[in-house]
Amino acid sequence: MNDDEIHSQIEKLVAEEHALWERESQGNVTDSERERMAQLKVALDQSWDLLRQRKALRNVGRDPDEAEMRTEGTVENYRQ
């Protein structure tokens, strides 16, 4: 997946997330939609992480295609 494809995926995920937030703000969200919101958060974190990996590899002269999607456990447990 190249950078443009990752950005496109992020845009789709964000659009879905915003629609669910809107439903939640109106009090119309189901438990399964809340679960989907949590899944979207992870998918977005993974996508942004993949873009950062690609940029870092590119910056050191390596092939950005060496970057790999990391697991939920990895991206959700970063130390900041």
Protein backbone atom coordinates (compact mmCIF):
# COMPACT_ATOMS: atom_id res chain seq x y z
CA MET A 1 0.00 0.00 0.00
CA ASN A 2 1.46 3.38 -0.95
CA ASP A 3 1.08 6.69 0.89
CA ASP A 4 -1.87 7.85 -1.24
CA GLU A 5 -3.73 4.61 -0.59
CA ILE A 6 -3.08 4.91 3.14
CA HIS A 7 -4.31 8.52 3.14
CA SER A 8 -7.44 7.43 1.25
CA GLN A 9 -8.06 4.68 3.81
CA ILE A 10 -7.62 7.19 6.64
CA GLU A 11 -10.14 9.56 5.04
CA LYS A 12 -12.73 6.76 4.79
CA LEU A 13 -12.15 5.70 8.39
CA VAL A 14 -12.41 9.30 9.63
CA ALA A 15 -15.66 9.84 7.71
CA GLU A 16 -17.16 6.72 9.27
CA GLU A 17 -15.92 7.74 12.71
CA HIS A 18 -17.41 11.23 12.38
CA ALA A 19 -20.77 9.80 11.32
CA LEU A 20 -20.79 7.58 14.39
CA TRP A 21 -19.77 10.48 16.65
CA GLU A 22 -22.68 12.46 15.24
CA ARG A 23 -25.08 9.61 16.01
CA GLU A 24 -23.61 9.31 19.50
CA SER A 25 -24.04 13.03 20.16
CA GLN A 26 -27.72 12.62 19.29
CA GLY A 27 -28.01 9.62 21.61
CA ASN A 28 -28.71 7.24 18.72
CA VAL A 29 -25.71 4.95 18.85
CA THR A 30 -25.95 1.23 19.51
CA ASP A 31 -23.54 -0.96 21.44
CA SER A 32 -22.27 -2.45 18.17
CA GLU A 33 -21.65 1.07 16.85
CA ARG A 34 -19.70 1.92 20.00
CA GLU A 35 -17.64 -1.19 19.40
CA ARG A 36 -17.10 -0.09 15.80
CA MET A 37 -15.90 3.31 17.05
CA ALA A 38 -13.26 1.54 19.14
CA GLN A 39 -12.23 -0.51 16.10
CA LEU A 40 -11.98 2.64 14.00
CA LYS A 41 -9.71 4.25 16.59
CA VAL A 42 -7.33 1.31 16.37
CA ALA A 43 -7.44 1.20 12.57
CA LEU A 44 -6.66 4.92 12.42
CA ASP A 45 -3.77 4.56 14.87
CA GLN A 46 -2.39 1.69 12.79
CA SER A 47 -2.73 3.65 9.55
CA TRP A 48 -1.03 6.76 10.93
CA ASP A 49 1.72 4.57 12.37
CA LEU A 50 2.24 2.95 8.97
CA LEU A 51 2.62 6.38 7.36
CA ARG A 52 5.16 7.41 10.02
CA GLN A 53 7.13 4.20 9.45
CA ARG A 54 7.16 4.81 5.69
CA LYS A 55 8.40 8.38 6.18
CA ALA A 56 11.12 7.25 8.59
CA LEU A 57 12.33 4.57 6.20
CA ARG A 58 12.33 7.04 3.32
CA ASN A 59 14.30 9.56 5.42
CA VAL A 60 17.12 7.06 5.99
CA GLY A 61 17.26 6.00 2.34
CA ARG A 62 15.39 2.73 2.73
CA ASP A 63 12.40 1.40 0.84
CA PRO A 64 9.17 2.64 2.46
CA ASP A 65 7.49 -0.59 1.35
CA GLU A 66 9.44 -2.32 4.13
CA ALA A 67 7.00 -0.76 6.60
CA GLU A 68 4.40 -3.11 8.02
CA MET A 69 1.06 -2.61 9.71
CA ARG A 70 1.68 -3.13 13.42
CA THR A 71 -0.65 -4.97 15.75
CA GLU A 72 -3.28 -3.32 17.91
CA GLY A 73 -1.24 -4.19 20.99
CA THR A 74 1.76 -2.36 19.60
CA VAL A 75 0.10 0.85 18.45
CA GLU A 76 -2.22 1.13 21.42
CA ASN A 77 0.54 0.68 23.99
CA TYR A 78 3.16 3.16 22.80
CA ARG A 79 4.93 5.02 25.53
CA GLN A 80 4.67 8.75 25.03
